[in-house]
Amino acid sequence: SCHGKDGKPVKAGARDFRNTERMKLYSDSVWFWRISEGVPNTKMKPWKSKLPDEDRWKVMAFERTFGLKGKEYDVVKKEWVPIGGVTASGAGGTDGTATPAGGALTPPAAKAGGKGAGGGK
């Protein structure tokens, strides 16, 4: 892993995922998209051909634990809340994702019926 087992980079150019402020900059959908599509002009390559959607969502959730220390952004409350908490709208998880016991994640696109992770249709 380029970002190390705890978010501390082990390869040149890898971002430090222990940086809380950096992890808060982007929604789960954006992080998923970055994992899927890679980051242009960096060493971050796309993983969509190597990992199925479900595994990429799990990677995203794992990466978020390094800097966010078990929190996610609630778009309704506009604040950081414990992962898997229920939002003011009654939906669990960031971007409307569900995070049921057992760690399975439902991508926002699946819930909304769209593509989600890049904003396309």
PDB file of N, CA and C in Angstrom:
ATOM      1  N   SER A   1       0.839  -1.197   0.000  1.00  0.00           N
ATOM      2  CA  SER A   1       0.000   0.000   0.000  1.00  0.00           C
ATOM      3  C   SER A   1       0.876   1.249   0.000  1.00  0.00           C
ATOM      4  N   CYS A   2       0.586   2.153  -0.870  1.00  0.00           N
ATOM      5  CA  CYS A   2       1.358   3.405  -0.959  1.00  0.00           C
ATOM      6  C   CYS A   2       1.154   4.286   0.265  1.00  0.00           C
ATOM      7  N   HIS A   3      -0.029   4.180   0.876  1.00  0.00           N
ATOM      8  CA  HIS A   3      -0.363   5.053   2.000  1.00  0.00           C
ATOM      9  C   HIS A   3      -0.114   4.384   3.347  1.00  0.00           C
ATOM     10  N   GLY A   4       0.451   3.212   3.351  1.00  0.00           N
ATOM     11  CA  GLY A   4       0.778   2.518   4.589  1.00  0.00           C
ATOM     12  C   GLY A   4      -0.442   1.936   5.283  1.00  0.00           C
ATOM     13  N   LYS A   5      -0.191   1.072   6.254  1.00  0.00           N
ATOM     14  CA  LYS A   5      -1.295   0.412   6.957  1.00  0.00           C
ATOM     15  C   LYS A   5      -2.031   1.341   7.908  1.00  0.00           C
ATOM     16  N   ASP A   6      -1.428   2.498   8.205  1.00  0.00           N
ATOM     17  CA  ASP A   6      -2.058   3.447   9.126  1.00  0.00           C
ATOM     18  C   ASP A   6      -2.241   4.831   8.514  1.00  0.00           C
ATOM     19  N   GLY A   7      -2.059   4.942   7.203  1.00  0.00           N
ATOM     20  CA  GLY A   7      -2.228   6.223   6.524  1.00  0.00           C
ATOM     21  C   GLY A   7      -0.950   7.007   6.344  1.00  0.00           C
ATOM     22  N   LYS A   8       0.139   6.547   6.981  1.00  0.00           N
ATOM     23  CA  LYS A   8       1.439   7.206   6.831  1.00  0.00           C
ATOM     24  C   LYS A   8       2.058   6.743   5.515  1.00  0.00           C
ATOM     25  N   PRO A   9       2.353   7.669   4.598  1.00  0.00           N
ATOM     26  CA  PRO A   9       2.883   7.285   3.288  1.00  0.00           C
ATOM     27  C   PRO A   9       4.163   6.459   3.379  1.00  0.00           C
ATOM     28  N   VAL A  10       4.232   5.435   2.537  1.00  0.00           N
ATOM     29  CA  VAL A  10       5.435   4.606   2.471  1.00  0.00           C
ATOM     30  C   VAL A  10       6.091   4.695   1.100  1.00  0.00           C
ATOM     31  N   LYS A  11       5.444   5.387   0.162  1.00  0.00           N
ATOM     32  CA  LYS A  11       6.012   5.586  -1.175  1.00  0.00           C
ATOM     33  C   LYS A  11       6.012   7.071  -1.502  1.00  0.00           C
ATOM     34  N   ALA A  12       7.019   7.496  -2.252  1.00  0.00           N
ATOM     35  CA  ALA A  12       7.145   8.904  -2.636  1.00  0.00           C
ATOM     36  C   ALA A  12       5.894   9.376  -3.369  1.00  0.00           C
ATOM     37  N   GLY A  13       5.409  10.545  -2.988  1.00  0.00           N
ATOM     38  CA  GLY A  13       4.254  11.146  -3.641  1.00  0.00           C
ATOM     39  C   GLY A  13       2.913  10.777  -3.042  1.00  0.00           C
ATOM     40  N   ALA A  14       2.868   9.747  -2.188  1.00  0.00           N
ATOM     41  CA  ALA A  14       1.602   9.349  -1.565  1.00  0.00           C
ATOM     42  C   ALA A  14       1.199  10.382  -0.513  1.00  0.00           C
ATOM     43  N   ARG A  15      -0.089  10.703  -0.470  1.00  0.00           N
ATOM     44  CA  ARG A  15      -0.609  11.656   0.514  1.00  0.00           C
ATOM     45  C   ARG A  15      -0.665  11.016   1.889  1.00  0.00           C
ATOM     46  N   ASP A  16      -0.537  11.866   2.905  1.00  0.00           N
ATOM     47  CA  ASP A  16      -0.629  11.414   4.289  1.00  0.00           C
ATOM     48  C   ASP A  16      -2.097  11.423   4.697  1.00  0.00           C
ATOM     49  N   PHE A  17      -2.697  10.265   4.802  1.00  0.00           N
ATOM     50  CA  PHE A  17      -4.112  10.164   5.138  1.00  0.00           C
ATOM     51  C   PHE A  17      -4.378  10.327   6.630  1.00  0.00           C
ATOM     52  N   ARG A  18      -3.342  10.564   7.416  1.00  0.00           N
ATOM     53  CA  ARG A  18      -3.553  10.864   8.834  1.00  0.00           C
ATOM     54  C   ARG A  18      -3.903  12.334   9.024  1.00  0.00           C
ATOM     55  N   ASN A  19      -3.774  13.129   7.971  1.00  0.00           N
ATOM     56  CA  ASN A  19      -4.064  14.559   8.019  1.00  0.00           C
ATOM     57  C   ASN A  19      -5.583  14.770   8.026  1.00  0.00           C
ATOM     58  N   THR A  20      -6.119  15.083   9.202  1.00  0.00           N
ATOM     59  CA  THR A  20      -7.566  15.224   9.375  1.00  0.00           C
ATOM     60  C   THR A  20      -8.159  16.260   8.440  1.00  0.00           C
ATOM     61  N   GLU A  21      -7.525  17.411   8.329  1.00  0.00           N
ATOM     62  CA  GLU A  21      -8.083  18.475   7.483  1.00  0.00           C
ATOM     63  C   GLU A  21      -8.151  18.048   6.020  1.00  0.00           C
ATOM     64  N   ARG A  22      -7.161  17.337   5.543  1.00  0.00           N
ATOM     65  CA  ARG A  22      -7.185  16.866   4.151  1.00  0.00           C
ATOM     66  C   ARG A  22      -8.309  15.857   3.936  1.00  0.00           C
ATOM     67  N   MET A  23      -8.491  14.953   4.873  1.00  0.00           N
ATOM     68  CA  MET A  23      -9.526  13.935   4.728  1.00  0.00           C
ATOM     69  C   MET A  23     -10.919  14.552   4.741  1.00  0.00           C
ATOM     70  N   LYS A  24     -11.076  15.683   5.417  1.00  0.00           N
ATOM     71  CA  LYS A  24     -12.379  16.353   5.484  1.00  0.00           C
ATOM     72  C   LYS A  24     -12.706  17.142   4.216  1.00  0.00           C
ATOM     73  N   LEU A  25     -11.736  17.331   3.343  1.00  0.00           N
ATOM     74  CA  LEU A  25     -11.949  18.157   2.153  1.00  0.00           C
ATOM     75  C   LEU A  25     -12.942  17.558   1.160  1.00  0.00           C
ATOM     76  N   TYR A  26     -13.044  16.239   1.124  1.00  0.00           N
ATOM     77  CA  TYR A  26     -13.814  15.583   0.072  1.00  0.00           C
ATOM     78  C   TYR A  26     -14.838  14.607   0.641  1.00  0.00           C
ATOM     79  N   SER A  27     -15.944  14.464  -0.070  1.00  0.00           N
ATOM     80  CA  SER A  27     -16.989  13.517   0.317  1.00  0.00           C
ATOM     81  C   SER A  27     -16.536  12.083   0.027  1.00  0.00           C
ATOM     82  N   ASP A  28     -17.276  11.133   0.560  1.00  0.00           N
ATOM     83  CA  ASP A  28     -16.989   9.723   0.295  1.00  0.00           C
ATOM     84  C   ASP A  28     -17.035   9.443  -1.204  1.00  0.00           C
ATOM     85  N   SER A  29     -17.984  10.059  -1.895  1.00  0.00           N
ATOM     86  CA  SER A  29     -18.100   9.840  -3.344  1.00  0.00           C
ATOM     87  C   SER A  29     -16.859  10.295  -4.088  1.00  0.00           C
ATOM     88  N   VAL A  30     -16.277  11.415  -3.665  1.00  0.00           N
ATOM     89  CA  VAL A  30     -15.062  11.919  -4.315  1.00  0.00           C
ATOM     90  C   VAL A  30     -13.891  10.991  -4.029  1.00  0.00           C
ATOM     91  N   TRP A  31     -13.750  10.539  -2.787  1.00  0.00           N
ATOM     92  CA  TRP A  31     -12.655   9.613  -2.466  1.00  0.00           C
ATOM     93  C   TRP A  31     -12.815   8.319  -3.267  1.00  0.00           C
ATOM     94  N   PHE A  32     -14.057   7.816  -3.360  1.00  0.00           N
ATOM     95  CA  PHE A  32     -14.313   6.604  -4.143  1.00  0.00           C
ATOM     96  C   PHE A  32     -13.918   6.831  -5.601  1.00  0.00           C
ATOM     97  N   TRP A  33     -14.294   7.976  -6.145  1.00  0.00           N
ATOM     98  CA  TRP A  33     -13.965   8.307  -7.530  1.00  0.00           C
ATOM     99  C   TRP A  33     -12.450   8.345  -7.727  1.00  0.00           C
ATOM    100  N   ARG A  34     -11.725   8.932  -6.760  1.00  0.00           N
ATOM    101  CA  ARG A  34     -10.260   9.002  -6.869  1.00  0.00           C
ATOM    102  C   ARG A  34      -9.645   7.607  -6.860  1.00  0.00           C
ATOM    103  N   ILE A  35     -10.167   6.741  -6.018  1.00  0.00           N
ATOM    104  CA  ILE A  35      -9.674   5.358  -5.994  1.00  0.00           C
ATOM    105  C   ILE A  35      -9.983   4.688  -7.332  1.00  0.00           C
ATOM    106  N   SER A  36     -11.162   4.898  -7.832  1.00  0.00           N
ATOM    107  CA  SER A  36     -11.604   4.265  -9.077  1.00  0.00           C
ATOM    108  C   SER A  36     -10.865   4.775 -10.299  1.00  0.00           C
ATOM    109  N   GLU A  37     -10.752   6.085 -10.422  1.00  0.00           N
ATOM    110  CA  GLU A  37     -10.218   6.716 -11.629  1.00  0.00           C
ATOM    111  C   GLU A  37      -8.755   7.130 -11.532  1.00  0.00           C
ATOM    112  N   GLY A  38      -8.191   7.120 -10.325  1.00  0.00           N
ATOM    113  CA  GLY A  38      -6.833   7.614 -10.145  1.00  0.00           C
ATOM    114  C   GLY A  38      -6.817   9.132 -10.084  1.00  0.00           C
ATOM    115  N   VAL A  39      -5.645   9.701  -9.940  1.00  0.00           N
ATOM    116  CA  VAL A  39      -5.499  11.157  -9.875  1.00  0.00           C
ATOM    117  C   VAL A  39      -4.531  11.570 -10.978  1.00  0.00           C
ATOM    118  N   PRO A  40      -5.020  12.340 -11.950  1.00  0.00           N
ATOM    119  CA  PRO A  40      -4.166  12.749 -13.072  1.00  0.00           C
ATOM    120  C   PRO A  40      -2.890  13.455 -12.608  1.00  0.00           C
ATOM    121  N   ASN A  41      -1.824  13.244 -13.335  1.00  0.00           N
ATOM    122  CA  ASN A  41      -0.518  13.873 -13.080  1.00  0.00           C
ATOM    123  C   ASN A  41       0.085  13.501 -11.731  1.00  0.00           C
ATOM    124  N   THR A  42      -0.319  12.344 -11.191  1.00  0.00           N
ATOM    125  CA  THR A  42       0.281  11.826  -9.958  1.00  0.00           C
ATOM    126  C   THR A  42       0.582  10.345 -10.181  1.00  0.00           C
ATOM    127  N   LYS A  43       1.143   9.704  -9.169  1.00  0.00           N
ATOM    128  CA  LYS A  43       1.400   8.268  -9.249  1.00  0.00           C
ATOM    129  C   LYS A  43       0.169   7.445  -8.875  1.00  0.00           C
ATOM    130  N   MET A  44      -0.918   8.126  -8.454  1.00  0.00           N
ATOM    131  CA  MET A  44      -2.148   7.424  -8.084  1.00  0.00           C
ATOM    132  C   MET A  44      -2.842   6.915  -9.339  1.00  0.00           C
ATOM    133  N   LYS A  45      -2.786   5.611  -9.512  1.00  0.00           N
ATOM    134  CA  LYS A  45      -3.366   4.959 -10.685  1.00  0.00           C
ATOM    135  C   LYS A  45      -4.804   4.524 -10.395  1.00  0.00           C
ATOM    136  N   PRO A  46      -5.617   4.329 -11.429  1.00  0.00           N
ATOM    137  CA  PRO A  46      -6.995   3.866 -11.231  1.00  0.00           C
ATOM    138  C   PRO A  46      -7.047   2.409 -10.776  1.00  0.00           C
ATOM    139  N   TRP A  47      -8.001   2.111  -9.904  1.00  0.00           N
ATOM    140  CA  TRP A  47      -8.174   0.761  -9.389  1.00  0.00           C
ATOM    141  C   TRP A  47      -9.448   0.104  -9.901  1.00  0.00           C
ATOM    142  N   LYS A  48     -10.240   0.805 -10.733  1.00  0.00           N
ATOM    143  CA  LYS A  48     -11.533   0.259 -11.157  1.00  0.00           C
ATOM    144  C   LYS A  48     -11.417  -1.041 -11.938  1.00  0.00           C
ATOM    145  N   SER A  49     -10.314  -1.263 -12.628  1.00  0.00           N
ATOM    146  CA  SER A  49     -10.165  -2.518 -13.375  1.00  0.00           C
ATOM    147  C   SER A  49      -9.553  -3.624 -12.512  1.00  0.00           C
ATOM    148  N   LYS A  50      -9.107  -3.269 -11.316  1.00  0.00           N
ATOM    149  CA  LYS A  50      -8.446  -4.250 -10.452  1.00  0.00           C
ATOM    150  C   LYS A  50      -9.292  -4.665  -9.256  1.00  0.00           C
ATOM    151  N   LEU A  51     -10.200  -3.774  -8.823  1.00  0.00           N
ATOM    152  CA  LEU A  51     -11.049  -4.065  -7.666  1.00  0.00           C
ATOM    153  C   LEU A  51     -12.511  -3.828  -8.025  1.00  0.00           C
ATOM    154  N   PRO A  52     -13.413  -4.728  -7.598  1.00  0.00           N
ATOM    155  CA  PRO A  52     -14.838  -4.480  -7.842  1.00  0.00           C
ATOM    156  C   PRO A  52     -15.327  -3.284  -7.012  1.00  0.00           C
ATOM    157  N   ASP A  53     -16.479  -2.734  -7.383  1.00  0.00           N
ATOM    158  CA  ASP A  53     -17.039  -1.566  -6.687  1.00  0.00           C
ATOM    159  C   ASP A  53     -17.052  -1.745  -5.174  1.00  0.00           C
ATOM    160  N   GLU A  54     -17.574  -2.872  -4.716  1.00  0.00           N
ATOM    161  CA  GLU A  54     -17.710  -3.101  -3.279  1.00  0.00           C
ATOM    162  C   GLU A  54     -16.360  -2.986  -2.572  1.00  0.00           C
ATOM    163  N   ASP A  55     -15.322  -3.555  -3.154  1.00  0.00           N
ATOM    164  CA  ASP A  55     -13.996  -3.484  -2.537  1.00  0.00           C
ATOM    165  C   ASP A  55     -13.444  -2.062  -2.547  1.00  0.00           C
ATOM    166  N   ARG A  56     -13.737  -1.300  -3.607  1.00  0.00           N
ATOM    167  CA  ARG A  56     -13.278   0.101  -3.637  1.00  0.00           C
ATOM    168  C   ARG A  56     -13.988   0.926  -2.574  1.00  0.00           C
ATOM    169  N   TRP A  57     -15.263   0.645  -2.308  1.00  0.00           N
ATOM    170  CA  TRP A  57     -15.962   1.342  -1.214  1.00  0.00           C
ATOM    171  C   TRP A  57     -15.338   0.966   0.131  1.00  0.00           C
ATOM    172  N   LYS A  58     -14.947  -0.290   0.285  1.00  0.00           N
ATOM    173  CA  LYS A  58     -14.301  -0.714   1.532  1.00  0.00           C
ATOM    174  C   LYS A  58     -12.946  -0.042   1.703  1.00  0.00           C
ATOM    175  N   VAL A  59     -12.190   0.088   0.609  1.00  0.00           N
ATOM    176  CA  VAL A  59     -10.905   0.797   0.658  1.00  0.00           C
ATOM    177  C   VAL A  59     -11.140   2.235   1.100  1.00  0.00           C
ATOM    178  N   MET A  60     -12.138   2.889   0.506  1.00  0.00           N
ATOM    179  CA  MET A  60     -12.452   4.274   0.855  1.00  0.00           C
ATOM    180  C   MET A  60     -12.794   4.384   2.341  1.00  0.00           C
ATOM    181  N   ALA A  61     -13.639   3.485   2.831  1.00  0.00           N
ATOM    182  CA  ALA A  61     -14.035   3.528   4.240  1.00  0.00           C
ATOM    183  C   ALA A  61     -12.829   3.317   5.153  1.00  0.00           C
ATOM    184  N   PHE A  62     -11.941   2.401   4.777  1.00  0.00           N
ATOM    185  CA  PHE A  62     -10.743   2.146   5.575  1.00  0.00           C
ATOM    186  C   PHE A  62      -9.827   3.367   5.587  1.00  0.00           C
ATOM    187  N   GLU A  63      -9.614   3.977   4.423  1.00  0.00           N
ATOM    188  CA  GLU A  63      -8.766   5.171   4.348  1.00  0.00           C
ATOM    189  C   GLU A  63      -9.306   6.291   5.227  1.00  0.00           C
ATOM    190  N   ARG A  64     -10.623   6.429   5.295  1.00  0.00           N
ATOM    191  CA  ARG A  64     -11.237   7.499   6.082  1.00  0.00           C
ATOM    192  C   ARG A  64     -10.945   7.331   7.576  1.00  0.00           C
ATOM    193  N   THR A  65     -10.675   6.119   8.027  1.00  0.00           N
ATOM    194  CA  THR A  65     -10.429   5.916   9.458  1.00  0.00           C
ATOM    195  C   THR A  65      -9.119   6.536   9.918  1.00  0.00           C
ATOM    196  N   PHE A  66      -8.171   6.735   9.000  1.00  0.00           N
ATOM    197  CA  PHE A  66      -6.863   7.247   9.396  1.00  0.00           C
ATOM    198  C   PHE A  66      -6.939   8.672   9.919  1.00  0.00           C
ATOM    199  N   GLY A  67      -7.551   9.566   9.181  1.00  0.00           N
ATOM    200  CA  GLY A  67      -7.577  10.974   9.553  1.00  0.00           C
ATOM    201  C   GLY A  67      -8.852  11.435  10.212  1.00  0.00           C
ATOM    202  N   LEU A  68      -9.947  10.727   9.978  1.00  0.00           N
ATOM    203  CA  LEU A  68     -11.228  11.188  10.502  1.00  0.00           C
ATOM    204  C   LEU A  68     -11.594  10.525  11.814  1.00  0.00           C
ATOM    205  N   LYS A  69     -10.814   9.570  12.207  1.00  0.00           N
ATOM    206  CA  LYS A  69     -10.980   8.908  13.493  1.00  0.00           C
ATOM    207  C   LYS A  69     -12.433   8.492  13.760  1.00  0.00           C
ATOM    208  N   GLY A  70     -12.990   7.775  12.781  1.00  0.00           N
ATOM    209  CA  GLY A  70     -14.326   7.224  12.958  1.00  0.00           C
ATOM    210  C   GLY A  70     -15.468   8.194  12.734  1.00  0.00           C
ATOM    211  N   LYS A  71     -15.221   9.301  12.034  1.00  0.00           N
ATOM    212  CA  LYS A  71     -16.292  10.272  11.781  1.00  0.00           C
ATOM    213  C   LYS A  71     -16.518  10.448  10.291  1.00  0.00           C
ATOM    214  N   GLU A  72     -17.702  10.913   9.941  1.00  0.00           N
ATOM    215  CA  GLU A  72     -18.068  11.224   8.565  1.00  0.00           C
ATOM    216  C   GLU A  72     -18.868  12.514   8.564  1.00  0.00           C
ATOM    217  N   TYR A  73     -18.932  13.154   7.409  1.00  0.00           N
ATOM    218  CA  TYR A  73     -19.635  14.430   7.314  1.00  0.00           C
ATOM    219  C   TYR A  73     -21.111  14.204   7.053  1.00  0.00           C
ATOM    220  N   ASP A  74     -21.956  14.777   7.905  1.00  0.00           N
ATOM    221  CA  ASP A  74     -23.405  14.710   7.752  1.00  0.00           C
ATOM    222  C   ASP A  74     -23.832  15.946   6.974  1.00  0.00           C
ATOM    223  N   VAL A  75     -24.265  15.747   5.727  1.00  0.00           N
ATOM    224  CA  VAL A  75     -24.608  16.886   4.867  1.00  0.00           C
ATOM    225  C   VAL A  75     -25.852  17.617   5.350  1.00  0.00           C
ATOM    226  N   VAL A  76     -26.711  16.955   6.106  1.00  0.00           N
ATOM    227  CA  VAL A  76     -27.909  17.598   6.639  1.00  0.00           C
ATOM    228  C   VAL A  76     -27.548  18.465   7.842  1.00  0.00           C
ATOM    229  N   LYS A  77     -26.799  17.891   8.788  1.00  0.00           N
ATOM    230  CA  LYS A  77     -26.399  18.631   9.992  1.00  0.00           C
ATOM    231  C   LYS A  77     -25.242  19.581   9.729  1.00  0.00           C
ATOM    232  N   LYS A  78     -24.528  19.358   8.612  1.00  0.00           N
ATOM    233  CA  LYS A  78     -23.343  20.137   8.258  1.00  0.00           C
ATOM    234  C   LYS A  78     -22.281  20.080   9.368  1.00  0.00           C
ATOM    235  N   GLU A  79     -22.046  18.866   9.844  1.00  0.00           N
ATOM    236  CA  GLU A  79     -21.017  18.644  10.853  1.00  0.00           C
ATOM    237  C   GLU A  79     -20.519  17.209  10.771  1.00  0.00           C
ATOM    238  N   TRP A  80     -19.405  16.937  11.450  1.00  0.00           N
ATOM    239  CA  TRP A  80     -18.813  15.605  11.470  1.00  0.00           C
ATOM    240  C   TRP A  80     -19.445  14.806  12.593  1.00  0.00           C
ATOM    241  N   VAL A  81     -19.924  13.594  12.277  1.00  0.00           N
ATOM    242  CA  VAL A  81     -20.623  12.739  13.227  1.00  0.00           C
ATOM    243  C   VAL A  81     -19.990  11.347  13.199  1.00  0.00           C
ATOM    244  N   PRO A  82     -20.231  10.522  14.233  1.00  0.00           N
ATOM    245  CA  PRO A  82     -19.691   9.157  14.218  1.00  0.00           C
ATOM    246  C   PRO A  82     -20.193   8.381  13.001  1.00  0.00           C
ATOM    247  N   ILE A  83     -19.327   7.576  12.408  1.00  0.00           N
ATOM    248  CA  ILE A  83     -19.686   6.774  11.237  1.00  0.00           C
ATOM    249  C   ILE A  83     -20.838   5.844  11.582  1.00  0.00           C
ATOM    250  N   GLY A  84     -21.796   5.771  10.633  1.00  0.00           N
ATOM    251  CA  GLY A  84     -22.940   4.893  10.819  1.00  0.00           C
ATOM    252  C   GLY A  84     -24.049   5.521  11.622  1.00  0.00           C
ATOM    253  N   GLY A  85     -23.859   6.764  12.057  1.00  0.00           N
ATOM    254  CA  GLY A  85     -24.897   7.465  12.796  1.00  0.00           C
ATOM    255  C   GLY A  85     -26.061   7.781  11.882  1.00  0.00           C
ATOM    256  N   VAL A  86     -27.188   8.108  12.471  1.00  0.00           N
ATOM    257  CA  VAL A  86     -28.360   8.465  11.688  1.00  0.00           C
ATOM    258  C   VAL A  86     -28.381   9.971  11.526  1.00  0.00           C
ATOM    259  N   THR A  87     -28.545  10.430  10.298  1.00  0.00           N
ATOM    260  CA  THR A  87     -28.575  11.863  10.021  1.00  0.00           C
ATOM    261  C   THR A  87     -29.931  12.434  10.394  1.00  0.00           C
ATOM    262  N   ALA A  88     -30.033  13.744  10.364  1.00  0.00           N
ATOM    263  CA  ALA A  88     -31.290  14.411  10.667  1.00  0.00           C
ATOM    264  C   ALA A  88     -32.394  13.971   9.709  1.00  0.00           C
ATOM    265  N   SER A  89     -32.015  13.578   8.507  1.00  0.00           N
ATOM    266  CA  SER A  89     -33.005  13.130   7.524  1.00  0.00           C
ATOM    267  C   SER A  89     -33.370  11.661   7.721  1.00  0.00           C
ATOM    268  N   GLY A  90     -32.665  10.985   8.640  1.00  0.00           N
ATOM    269  CA  GLY A  90     -32.944   9.585   8.904  1.00  0.00           C
ATOM    270  C   GLY A  90     -32.096   8.619   8.113  1.00  0.00           C
ATOM    271  N   ALA A  91     -31.247   9.116   7.227  1.00  0.00           N
ATOM    272  CA  ALA A  91     -30.381   8.246   6.431  1.00  0.00           C
ATOM    273  C   ALA A  91     -29.051   8.073   7.140  1.00  0.00           C
ATOM    274  N   GLY A  92     -28.550   6.856   7.199  1.00  0.00           N
ATOM    275  CA  GLY A  92     -27.257   6.619   7.823  1.00  0.00           C
ATOM    276  C   GLY A  92     -26.132   6.844   6.843  1.00  0.00           C
ATOM    277  N   GLY A  93     -25.037   7.441   7.295  1.00  0.00           N
ATOM    278  CA  GLY A  93     -23.850   7.568   6.462  1.00  0.00           C
ATOM    279  C   GLY A  93     -23.760   8.840   5.660  1.00  0.00           C
ATOM    280  N   THR A  94     -22.558   9.116   5.178  1.00  0.00           N
ATOM    281  CA  THR A  94     -22.267  10.284   4.365  1.00  0.00           C
ATOM    282  C   THR A  94     -22.875  10.123   2.983  1.00  0.00           C
ATOM    283  N   ASP A  95     -23.318  11.199   2.388  1.00  0.00           N
ATOM    284  CA  ASP A  95     -23.880  11.191   1.038  1.00  0.00           C
ATOM    285  C   ASP A  95     -25.065  10.235   0.925  1.00  0.00           C
ATOM    286  N   GLY A  96     -25.732   9.940   2.048  1.00  0.00           N
ATOM    287  CA  GLY A  96     -26.862   9.025   1.996  1.00  0.00           C
ATOM    288  C   GLY A  96     -26.468   7.569   1.959  1.00  0.00           C
ATOM    289  N   THR A  97     -25.202   7.245   2.171  1.00  0.00           N
ATOM    290  CA  THR A  97     -24.782   5.850   2.149  1.00  0.00           C
ATOM    291  C   THR A  97     -25.215   5.174   3.432  1.00  0.00           C
ATOM    292  N   ALA A  98     -25.461   3.899   3.351  1.00  0.00           N
ATOM    293  CA  ALA A  98     -25.797   3.128   4.530  1.00  0.00           C
ATOM    294  C   ALA A  98     -24.551   2.416   5.006  1.00  0.00           C
ATOM    295  N   THR A  99     -24.336   2.413   6.305  1.00  0.00           N
ATOM    296  CA  THR A  99     -23.196   1.689   6.858  1.00  0.00           C
ATOM    297  C   THR A  99     -23.719   0.745   7.934  1.00  0.00           C
ATOM    298  N   PRO A 100     -24.354  -0.361   7.532  1.00  0.00           N
ATOM    299  CA  PRO A 100     -24.915  -1.295   8.491  1.00  0.00           C
ATOM    300  C   PRO A 100     -23.840  -2.047   9.253  1.00  0.00           C
ATOM    301  N   ALA A 101     -24.251  -2.641  10.369  1.00  0.00           N
ATOM    302  CA  ALA A 101     -23.325  -3.459  11.141  1.00  0.00           C
ATOM    303  C   ALA A 101     -22.747  -4.518  10.224  1.00  0.00           C
ATOM    304  N   GLY A 102     -21.491  -4.799  10.375  1.00  0.00           N
ATOM    305  CA  GLY A 102     -20.828  -5.767   9.521  1.00  0.00           C
ATOM    306  C   GLY A 102     -19.973  -5.104   8.468  1.00  0.00           C
ATOM    307  N   GLY A 103     -20.095  -3.784   8.355  1.00  0.00           N
ATOM    308  CA  GLY A 103     -19.203  -3.035   7.498  1.00  0.00           C
ATOM    309  C   GLY A 103     -19.563  -2.957   6.030  1.00  0.00           C
ATOM    310  N   ALA A 104     -20.679  -3.557   5.607  1.00  0.00           N
ATOM    311  CA  ALA A 104     -21.039  -3.461   4.194  1.00  0.00           C
ATOM    312  C   ALA A 104     -21.442  -2.037   3.868  1.00  0.00           C
ATOM    313  N   LEU A 105     -21.039  -1.557   2.721  1.00  0.00           N
ATOM    314  CA  LEU A 105     -21.349  -0.194   2.318  1.00  0.00           C
ATOM    315  C   LEU A 105     -22.219  -0.201   1.079  1.00  0.00           C
ATOM    316  N   THR A 106     -23.172   0.706   1.041  1.00  0.00           N
ATOM    317  CA  THR A 106     -23.996   0.877  -0.144  1.00  0.00           C
ATOM    318  C   THR A 106     -23.568   2.162  -0.822  1.00  0.00           C
ATOM    319  N   PRO A 107     -23.034   2.099  -2.038  1.00  0.00           N
ATOM    320  CA  PRO A 107     -22.616   3.313  -2.732  1.00  0.00           C
ATOM    321  C   PRO A 107     -23.797   4.248  -2.935  1.00  0.00           C
ATOM    322  N   PRO A 108     -23.570   5.570  -2.865  1.00  0.00           N
ATOM    323  CA  PRO A 108     -24.649   6.531  -3.068  1.00  0.00           C
ATOM    324  C   PRO A 108     -25.362   6.316  -4.397  1.00  0.00           C
ATOM    325  N   ALA A 109     -24.627   5.928  -5.421  1.00  0.00           N
ATOM    326  CA  ALA A 109     -25.222   5.735  -6.740  1.00  0.00           C
ATOM    327  C   ALA A 109     -26.263   4.618  -6.712  1.00  0.00           C
ATOM    328  N   ALA A 110     -25.962   3.555  -5.985  1.00  0.00           N
ATOM    329  CA  ALA A 110     -26.892   2.437  -5.921  1.00  0.00           C
ATOM    330  C   ALA A 110     -28.174   2.856  -5.218  1.00  0.00           C
ATOM    331  N   LYS A 111     -28.037   3.661  -4.181  1.00  0.00           N
ATOM    332  CA  LYS A 111     -29.187   4.117  -3.431  1.00  0.00           C
ATOM    333  C   LYS A 111     -30.020   5.095  -4.246  1.00  0.00           C
ATOM    334  N   ALA A 112     -29.352   5.973  -5.004  1.00  0.00           N
ATOM    335  CA  ALA A 112     -30.041   7.012  -5.763  1.00  0.00           C
ATOM    336  C   ALA A 112     -30.422   6.561  -7.168  1.00  0.00           C
ATOM    337  N   GLY A 113     -29.871   5.435  -7.608  1.00  0.00           N
ATOM    338  CA  GLY A 113     -30.162   4.950  -8.939  1.00  0.00           C
ATOM    339  C   GLY A 113     -29.331   5.616 -10.026  1.00  0.00           C
ATOM    340  N   GLY A 114     -28.277   6.348  -9.623  1.00  0.00           N
ATOM    341  CA  GLY A 114     -27.417   7.021 -10.588  1.00  0.00           C
ATOM    342  C   GLY A 114     -26.020   6.487 -10.522  1.00  0.00           C
ATOM    343  N   LYS A 115     -25.073   7.189 -11.131  1.00  0.00           N
ATOM    344  CA  LYS A 115     -23.684   6.749 -11.127  1.00  0.00           C
ATOM    345  C   LYS A 115     -22.921   7.283  -9.935  1.00  0.00           C
ATOM    346  N   GLY A 116     -23.260   8.426  -9.402  1.00  0.00           N
ATOM    347  CA  GLY A 116     -22.686   8.961  -8.178  1.00  0.00           C
ATOM    348  C   GLY A 116     -21.237   9.332  -8.182  1.00  0.00           C
ATOM    349  N   ALA A 117     -20.332   8.409  -8.308  1.00  0.00           N
ATOM    350  CA  ALA A 117     -18.922   8.655  -8.052  1.00  0.00           C
ATOM    351  C   ALA A 117     -18.245   9.502  -9.113  1.00  0.00           C
ATOM    352  N   GLY A 118     -18.733  10.466  -9.585  1.00  0.00           N
ATOM    353  CA  GLY A 118     -18.098  11.326 -10.553  1.00  0.00           C
ATOM    354  C   GLY A 118     -19.106  12.322 -11.056  1.00  0.00           C
ATOM    355  N   GLY A 119     -20.330  12.136 -10.588  1.00  0.00           N
ATOM    356  CA  GLY A 119     -21.363  13.073 -10.913  1.00  0.00           C
ATOM    357  C   GLY A 119     -22.012  12.868 -12.267  1.00  0.00           C
ATOM    358  N   GLY A 120     -21.603  11.853 -13.029  1.00  0.00           N
ATOM    359  CA  GLY A 120     -22.137  11.654 -14.364  1.00  0.00           C
ATOM    360  C   GLY A 120     -23.447  10.904 -14.374  1.00  0.00           C
ATOM    361  N   LYS A 121     -24.040  10.810 -15.551  1.00  0.00           N
ATOM    362  CA  LYS A 121     -25.287  10.043 -15.690  1.00  0.00           C
ATOM    363  C   LYS A 121     -25.058   8.826 -16.544  1.00  0.00           C
TER     364      LYS A 121
END
